Amino acid sequence: MIQLGMVVALQIYILQMFERIFFIGKAFKSLFSAITESAEMIEILDTPHEIQDKADAIDLSVSMGAISFEKL
């Protein structure tokens, strides 16, 4: 004959097991979401720029730079 304590213990174990499975499912969902977002970012970063330098353009070198706001 099964005692009440055994039934309660079994229910607690089952609930804990489902909680762990739920947590694993959330972790996989988060992982796949991150993979999808990183794939989108890689696609964006791999897109070539629309504006290209001329073939004979010289490299820009700035030794000192400043921004000035005048007559605003």
PDB file of N, CA and C in Angstrom:
ATOM      1  N   MET A   1       0.835  -1.176   0.000  1.00  0.00           N
ATOM      2  CA  MET A   1       0.000   0.000   0.000  1.00  0.00           C
ATOM      3  C   MET A   1       0.894   1.258   0.000  1.00  0.00           C
ATOM      4  N   ILE A   2       0.526   2.212  -0.808  1.00  0.00           N
ATOM      5  CA  ILE A   2       1.300   3.456  -0.934  1.00  0.00           C
ATOM      6  C   ILE A   2       0.832   4.429   0.145  1.00  0.00           C
ATOM      7  N   GLN A   3       1.800   5.002   0.841  1.00  0.00           N
ATOM      8  CA  GLN A   3       1.480   5.935   1.904  1.00  0.00           C
ATOM      9  C   GLN A   3       1.378   7.348   1.349  1.00  0.00           C
ATOM     10  N   LEU A   4       0.722   8.205   2.096  1.00  0.00           N
ATOM     11  CA  LEU A   4       0.517   9.595   1.674  1.00  0.00           C
ATOM     12  C   LEU A   4       1.852  10.321   1.504  1.00  0.00           C
ATOM     13  N   GLY A   5       2.803  10.053   2.358  1.00  0.00           N
ATOM     14  CA  GLY A   5       4.120  10.684   2.256  1.00  0.00           C
ATOM     15  C   GLY A   5       4.823  10.336   0.965  1.00  0.00           C
ATOM     16  N   MET A   6       4.659   9.092   0.510  1.00  0.00           N
ATOM     17  CA  MET A   6       5.274   8.672  -0.770  1.00  0.00           C
ATOM     18  C   MET A   6       4.631   9.410  -1.944  1.00  0.00           C
ATOM     19  N   VAL A   7       3.322   9.592  -1.907  1.00  0.00           N
ATOM     20  CA  VAL A   7       2.622  10.304  -2.984  1.00  0.00           C
ATOM     21  C   VAL A   7       3.081  11.759  -3.029  1.00  0.00           C
ATOM     22  N   VAL A   8       3.183  12.400  -1.872  1.00  0.00           N
ATOM     23  CA  VAL A   8       3.620  13.799  -1.808  1.00  0.00           C
ATOM     24  C   VAL A   8       5.063  13.914  -2.293  1.00  0.00           C
ATOM     25  N   ALA A   9       5.923  13.016  -1.853  1.00  0.00           N
ATOM     26  CA  ALA A   9       7.322  13.044  -2.279  1.00  0.00           C
ATOM     27  C   ALA A   9       7.431  12.850  -3.785  1.00  0.00           C
ATOM     28  N   LEU A  10       6.650  11.930  -4.341  1.00  0.00           N
ATOM     29  CA  LEU A  10       6.663  11.691  -5.786  1.00  0.00           C
ATOM     30  C   LEU A  10       6.214  12.929  -6.553  1.00  0.00           C
ATOM     31  N   GLN A  11       5.180  13.598  -6.067  1.00  0.00           N
ATOM     32  CA  GLN A  11       4.711  14.822  -6.724  1.00  0.00           C
ATOM     33  C   GLN A  11       5.770  15.915  -6.675  1.00  0.00           C
ATOM     34  N   ILE A  12       6.439  16.028  -5.544  1.00  0.00           N
ATOM     35  CA  ILE A  12       7.489  17.045  -5.420  1.00  0.00           C
ATOM     36  C   ILE A  12       8.626  16.743  -6.392  1.00  0.00           C
ATOM     37  N   TYR A  13       9.029  15.485  -6.490  1.00  0.00           N
ATOM     38  CA  TYR A  13      10.093  15.108  -7.416  1.00  0.00           C
ATOM     39  C   TYR A  13       9.681  15.375  -8.864  1.00  0.00           C
ATOM     40  N   ILE A  14       8.459  15.056  -9.206  1.00  0.00           N
ATOM     41  CA  ILE A  14       7.972  15.291 -10.567  1.00  0.00           C
ATOM     42  C   ILE A  14       7.939  16.788 -10.876  1.00  0.00           C
ATOM     43  N   LEU A  15       7.453  17.593  -9.924  1.00  0.00           N
ATOM     44  CA  LEU A  15       7.422  19.045 -10.143  1.00  0.00           C
ATOM     45  C   LEU A  15       8.833  19.609 -10.306  1.00  0.00           C
ATOM     46  N   GLN A  16       9.772  19.126  -9.508  1.00  0.00           N
ATOM     47  CA  GLN A  16      11.150  19.589  -9.647  1.00  0.00           C
ATOM     48  C   GLN A  16      11.734  19.176 -10.991  1.00  0.00           C
ATOM     49  N   MET A  17      11.400  17.988 -11.444  1.00  0.00           N
ATOM     50  CA  MET A  17      11.888  17.525 -12.741  1.00  0.00           C
ATOM     51  C   MET A  17      11.338  18.407 -13.874  1.00  0.00           C
ATOM     52  N   PHE A  18      10.030  18.720 -13.801  1.00  0.00           N
ATOM     53  CA  PHE A  18       9.440  19.577 -14.833  1.00  0.00           C
ATOM     54  C   PHE A  18      10.020  20.986 -14.780  1.00  0.00           C
ATOM     55  N   GLU A  19      10.326  21.454 -13.573  1.00  0.00           N
ATOM     56  CA  GLU A  19      10.945  22.772 -13.444  1.00  0.00           C
ATOM     57  C   GLU A  19      12.315  22.791 -14.114  1.00  0.00           C
ATOM     58  N   ARG A  20      13.099  21.754 -13.929  1.00  0.00           N
ATOM     59  CA  ARG A  20      14.415  21.662 -14.566  1.00  0.00           C
ATOM     60  C   ARG A  20      14.281  21.580 -16.088  1.00  0.00           C
ATOM     61  N   ILE A  21      13.331  20.784 -16.547  1.00  0.00           N
ATOM     62  CA  ILE A  21      13.110  20.668 -17.996  1.00  0.00           C
ATOM     63  C   ILE A  21      12.673  22.008 -18.573  1.00  0.00           C
ATOM     64  N   PHE A  22      11.807  22.733 -17.856  1.00  0.00           N
ATOM     65  CA  PHE A  22      11.374  24.058 -18.299  1.00  0.00           C
ATOM     66  C   PHE A  22      12.566  25.005 -18.381  1.00  0.00           C
ATOM     67  N   PHE A  23      13.464  24.955 -17.375  1.00  0.00           N
ATOM     68  CA  PHE A  23      14.651  25.804 -17.367  1.00  0.00           C
ATOM     69  C   PHE A  23      15.560  25.479 -18.547  1.00  0.00           C
ATOM     70  N   ILE A  24      15.737  24.202 -18.837  1.00  0.00           N
ATOM     71  CA  ILE A  24      16.566  23.800 -19.984  1.00  0.00           C
ATOM     72  C   ILE A  24      15.943  24.314 -21.278  1.00  0.00           C
ATOM     73  N   GLY A  25      14.617  24.235 -21.384  1.00  0.00           N
ATOM     74  CA  GLY A  25      13.935  24.760 -22.572  1.00  0.00           C
ATOM     75  C   GLY A  25      14.144  26.257 -22.732  1.00  0.00           C
ATOM     76  N   LYS A  26      14.063  27.014 -21.622  1.00  0.00           N
ATOM     77  CA  LYS A  26      14.299  28.464 -21.691  1.00  0.00           C
ATOM     78  C   LYS A  26      15.739  28.760 -22.095  1.00  0.00           C
ATOM     79  N   ALA A  27      16.679  27.950 -21.603  1.00  0.00           N
ATOM     80  CA  ALA A  27      18.085  28.158 -21.950  1.00  0.00           C
ATOM     81  C   ALA A  27      18.309  27.909 -23.440  1.00  0.00           C
ATOM     82  N   PHE A  28      17.697  26.846 -23.988  1.00  0.00           N
ATOM     83  CA  PHE A  28      17.830  26.579 -25.418  1.00  0.00           C
ATOM     84  C   PHE A  28      17.178  27.690 -26.245  1.00  0.00           C
ATOM     85  N   LYS A  29      16.036  28.191 -25.800  1.00  0.00           N
ATOM     86  CA  LYS A  29      15.369  29.281 -26.512  1.00  0.00           C
ATOM     87  C   LYS A  29      16.264  30.515 -26.537  1.00  0.00           C
ATOM     88  N   SER A  30      16.879  30.826 -25.405  1.00  0.00           N
ATOM     89  CA  SER A  30      17.780  31.975 -25.335  1.00  0.00           C
ATOM     90  C   SER A  30      19.001  31.764 -26.229  1.00  0.00           C
ATOM     91  N   LEU A  31      19.533  30.554 -26.239  1.00  0.00           N
ATOM     92  CA  LEU A  31      20.693  30.244 -27.074  1.00  0.00           C
ATOM     93  C   LEU A  31      20.367  30.391 -28.554  1.00  0.00           C
ATOM     94  N   PHE A  32      19.248  29.824 -28.986  1.00  0.00           N
ATOM     95  CA  PHE A  32      18.888  29.918 -30.400  1.00  0.00           C
ATOM     96  C   PHE A  32      18.550  31.347 -30.802  1.00  0.00           C
ATOM     97  N   SER A  33      17.983  32.117 -29.885  1.00  0.00           N
ATOM     98  CA  SER A  33      17.716  33.525 -30.163  1.00  0.00           C
ATOM     99  C   SER A  33      19.028  34.283 -30.368  1.00  0.00           C
ATOM    100  N   ALA A  34      20.014  34.011 -29.526  1.00  0.00           N
ATOM    101  CA  ALA A  34      21.317  34.668 -29.664  1.00  0.00           C
ATOM    102  C   ALA A  34      22.002  34.264 -30.959  1.00  0.00           C
ATOM    103  N   ILE A  35      21.886  32.999 -31.340  1.00  0.00           N
ATOM    104  CA  ILE A  35      22.485  32.541 -32.599  1.00  0.00           C
ATOM    105  C   ILE A  35      21.827  33.235 -33.784  1.00  0.00           C
ATOM    106  N   THR A  36      20.509  33.354 -33.755  1.00  0.00           N
ATOM    107  CA  THR A  36      19.781  34.024 -34.841  1.00  0.00           C
ATOM    108  C   THR A  36      20.192  35.490 -34.945  1.00  0.00           C
ATOM    109  N   GLU A  37      20.266  36.162 -33.801  1.00  0.00           N
ATOM    110  CA  GLU A  37      20.643  37.578 -33.817  1.00  0.00           C
ATOM    111  C   GLU A  37      22.078  37.758 -34.301  1.00  0.00           C
ATOM    112  N   SER A  38      22.967  36.874 -33.915  1.00  0.00           N
ATOM    113  CA  SER A  38      24.353  37.006 -34.367  1.00  0.00           C
ATOM    114  C   SER A  38      24.459  36.732 -35.862  1.00  0.00           C
ATOM    115  N   ALA A  39      23.648  35.822 -36.375  1.00  0.00           N
ATOM    116  CA  ALA A  39      23.657  35.562 -37.820  1.00  0.00           C
ATOM    117  C   ALA A  39      23.183  36.795 -38.581  1.00  0.00           C
ATOM    118  N   GLU A  40      22.171  37.492 -38.042  1.00  0.00           N
ATOM    119  CA  GLU A  40      21.691  38.722 -38.678  1.00  0.00           C
ATOM    120  C   GLU A  40      22.767  39.803 -38.643  1.00  0.00           C
ATOM    121  N   MET A  41      23.482  39.909 -37.519  1.00  0.00           N
ATOM    122  CA  MET A  41      24.546  40.905 -37.416  1.00  0.00           C
ATOM    123  C   MET A  41      25.676  40.603 -38.393  1.00  0.00           C
ATOM    124  N   ILE A  42      26.033  39.351 -38.535  1.00  0.00           N
ATOM    125  CA  ILE A  42      27.085  38.984 -39.487  1.00  0.00           C
ATOM    126  C   ILE A  42      26.653  39.327 -40.899  1.00  0.00           C
ATOM    127  N   GLU A  43      25.379  39.098 -41.220  1.00  0.00           N
ATOM    128  CA  GLU A  43      24.876  39.446 -42.550  1.00  0.00           C
ATOM    129  C   GLU A  43      24.961  40.945 -42.781  1.00  0.00           C
ATOM    130  N   ILE A  44      24.630  41.730 -41.765  1.00  0.00           N
ATOM    131  CA  ILE A  44      24.701  43.191 -41.892  1.00  0.00           C
ATOM    132  C   ILE A  44      26.157  43.635 -42.053  1.00  0.00           C
ATOM    133  N   LEU A  45      27.052  43.051 -41.260  1.00  0.00           N
ATOM    134  CA  LEU A  45      28.462  43.455 -41.339  1.00  0.00           C
ATOM    135  C   LEU A  45      29.113  43.022 -42.644  1.00  0.00           C
ATOM    136  N   ASP A  46      28.619  41.955 -43.250  1.00  0.00           N
ATOM    137  CA  ASP A  46      29.185  41.484 -44.517  1.00  0.00           C
ATOM    138  C   ASP A  46      28.648  42.234 -45.730  1.00  0.00           C
ATOM    139  N   THR A  47      27.622  43.061 -45.536  1.00  0.00           N
ATOM    140  CA  THR A  47      27.057  43.826 -46.646  1.00  0.00           C
ATOM    141  C   THR A  47      28.076  44.866 -47.109  1.00  0.00           C
ATOM    142  N   PRO A  48      28.406  44.888 -48.393  1.00  0.00           N
ATOM    143  CA  PRO A  48      29.393  45.871 -48.872  1.00  0.00           C
ATOM    144  C   PRO A  48      28.846  47.300 -48.785  1.00  0.00           C
ATOM    145  N   HIS A  49      29.752  48.230 -48.580  1.00  0.00           N
ATOM    146  CA  HIS A  49      29.362  49.636 -48.502  1.00  0.00           C
ATOM    147  C   HIS A  49      28.947  50.140 -49.877  1.00  0.00           C
ATOM    148  N   GLU A  50      27.965  51.039 -49.889  1.00  0.00           N
ATOM    149  CA  GLU A  50      27.504  51.599 -51.157  1.00  0.00           C
ATOM    150  C   GLU A  50      28.501  52.628 -51.687  1.00  0.00           C
ATOM    151  N   ILE A  51      29.148  53.353 -50.790  1.00  0.00           N
ATOM    152  CA  ILE A  51      30.099  54.382 -51.209  1.00  0.00           C
ATOM    153  C   ILE A  51      31.494  53.767 -51.193  1.00  0.00           C
ATOM    154  N   GLN A  52      32.168  53.816 -52.343  1.00  0.00           N
ATOM    155  CA  GLN A  52      33.498  53.229 -52.475  1.00  0.00           C
ATOM    156  C   GLN A  52      34.502  54.322 -52.832  1.00  0.00           C
ATOM    157  N   ASP A  53      35.734  54.142 -52.420  1.00  0.00           N
ATOM    158  CA  ASP A  53      36.804  55.071 -52.787  1.00  0.00           C
ATOM    159  C   ASP A  53      37.142  54.899 -54.263  1.00  0.00           C
ATOM    160  N   LYS A  54      37.686  55.970 -54.830  1.00  0.00           N
ATOM    161  CA  LYS A  54      38.192  55.858 -56.195  1.00  0.00           C
ATOM    162  C   LYS A  54      39.398  54.934 -56.197  1.00  0.00           C
ATOM    163  N   ALA A  55      39.696  54.398 -57.344  1.00  0.00           N
ATOM    164  CA  ALA A  55      40.813  53.457 -57.446  1.00  0.00           C
ATOM    165  C   ALA A  55      42.146  54.128 -57.105  1.00  0.00           C
ATOM    166  N   ASP A  56      42.314  55.422 -57.450  1.00  0.00           N
ATOM    167  CA  ASP A  56      43.580  56.113 -57.193  1.00  0.00           C
ATOM    168  C   ASP A  56      43.515  57.034 -55.973  1.00  0.00           C
ATOM    169  N   ALA A  57      42.601  56.798 -55.069  1.00  0.00           N
ATOM    170  CA  ALA A  57      42.452  57.659 -53.893  1.00  0.00           C
ATOM    171  C   ALA A  57      43.612  57.432 -52.926  1.00  0.00           C
ATOM    172  N   ILE A  58      44.030  58.543 -52.294  1.00  0.00           N
ATOM    173  CA  ILE A  58      45.105  58.425 -51.303  1.00  0.00           C
ATOM    174  C   ILE A  58      44.471  58.214 -49.922  1.00  0.00           C
ATOM    175  N   ASP A  59      45.210  57.578 -49.031  1.00  0.00           N
ATOM    176  CA  ASP A  59      44.712  57.332 -47.681  1.00  0.00           C
ATOM    177  C   ASP A  59      44.621  58.641 -46.910  1.00  0.00           C
ATOM    178  N   LEU A  60      43.582  58.804 -46.140  1.00  0.00           N
ATOM    179  CA  LEU A  60      43.389  59.992 -45.330  1.00  0.00           C
ATOM    180  C   LEU A  60      44.160  59.828 -44.029  1.00  0.00           C
ATOM    181  N   SER A  61      44.988  60.824 -43.718  1.00  0.00           N
ATOM    182  CA  SER A  61      45.695  60.792 -42.436  1.00  0.00           C
ATOM    183  C   SER A  61      45.434  62.113 -41.719  1.00  0.00           C
ATOM    184  N   VAL A  62      44.928  62.014 -40.520  1.00  0.00           N
ATOM    185  CA  VAL A  62      44.621  63.191 -39.711  1.00  0.00           C
ATOM    186  C   VAL A  62      45.569  63.180 -38.522  1.00  0.00           C
ATOM    187  N   SER A  63      46.438  64.224 -38.440  1.00  0.00           N
ATOM    188  CA  SER A  63      47.385  64.266 -37.328  1.00  0.00           C
ATOM    189  C   SER A  63      46.747  64.906 -36.102  1.00  0.00           C
ATOM    190  N   MET A  64      45.982  65.957 -36.306  1.00  0.00           N
ATOM    191  CA  MET A  64      45.267  66.612 -35.203  1.00  0.00           C
ATOM    192  C   MET A  64      43.887  66.976 -35.707  1.00  0.00           C
ATOM    193  N   GLY A  65      42.904  66.721 -34.908  1.00  0.00           N
ATOM    194  CA  GLY A  65      41.553  67.041 -35.325  1.00  0.00           C
ATOM    195  C   GLY A  65      40.825  67.823 -34.244  1.00  0.00           C
ATOM    196  N   ALA A  66      39.900  68.645 -34.668  1.00  0.00           N
ATOM    197  CA  ALA A  66      39.100  69.428 -33.728  1.00  0.00           C
ATOM    198  C   ALA A  66      37.735  69.684 -34.346  1.00  0.00           C
ATOM    199  N   ILE A  67      36.764  69.803 -33.491  1.00  0.00           N
ATOM    200  CA  ILE A  67      35.413  70.142 -33.954  1.00  0.00           C
ATOM    201  C   ILE A  67      35.079  71.509 -33.371  1.00  0.00           C
ATOM    202  N   SER A  68      34.592  72.382 -34.208  1.00  0.00           N
ATOM    203  CA  SER A  68      34.249  73.711 -33.731  1.00  0.00           C
ATOM    204  C   SER A  68      32.843  74.064 -34.189  1.00  0.00           C
ATOM    205  N   PHE A  69      32.061  74.614 -33.273  1.00  0.00           N
ATOM    206  CA  PHE A  69      30.701  75.047 -33.571  1.00  0.00           C
ATOM    207  C   PHE A  69      30.685  76.565 -33.513  1.00  0.00           C
ATOM    208  N   GLU A  70      30.465  77.183 -34.673  1.00  0.00           N
ATOM    209  CA  GLU A  70      30.484  78.645 -34.742  1.00  0.00           C
ATOM    210  C   GLU A  70      29.202  79.154 -35.364  1.00  0.00           C
ATOM    211  N   LYS A  71      28.712  80.260 -34.859  1.00  0.00           N
ATOM    212  CA  LYS A  71      27.527  80.965 -35.381  1.00  0.00           C
ATOM    213  C   LYS A  71      26.326  80.015 -35.474  1.00  0.00           C
ATOM    214  N   LEU A  72      26.005  79.399 -34.395  1.00  0.00           N
ATOM    215  CA  LEU A  72      24.848  78.492 -34.386  1.00  0.00           C
ATOM    216  C   LEU A  72      23.580  79.225 -34.125  1.00  0.00           C
TER     217      LEU A  72
END
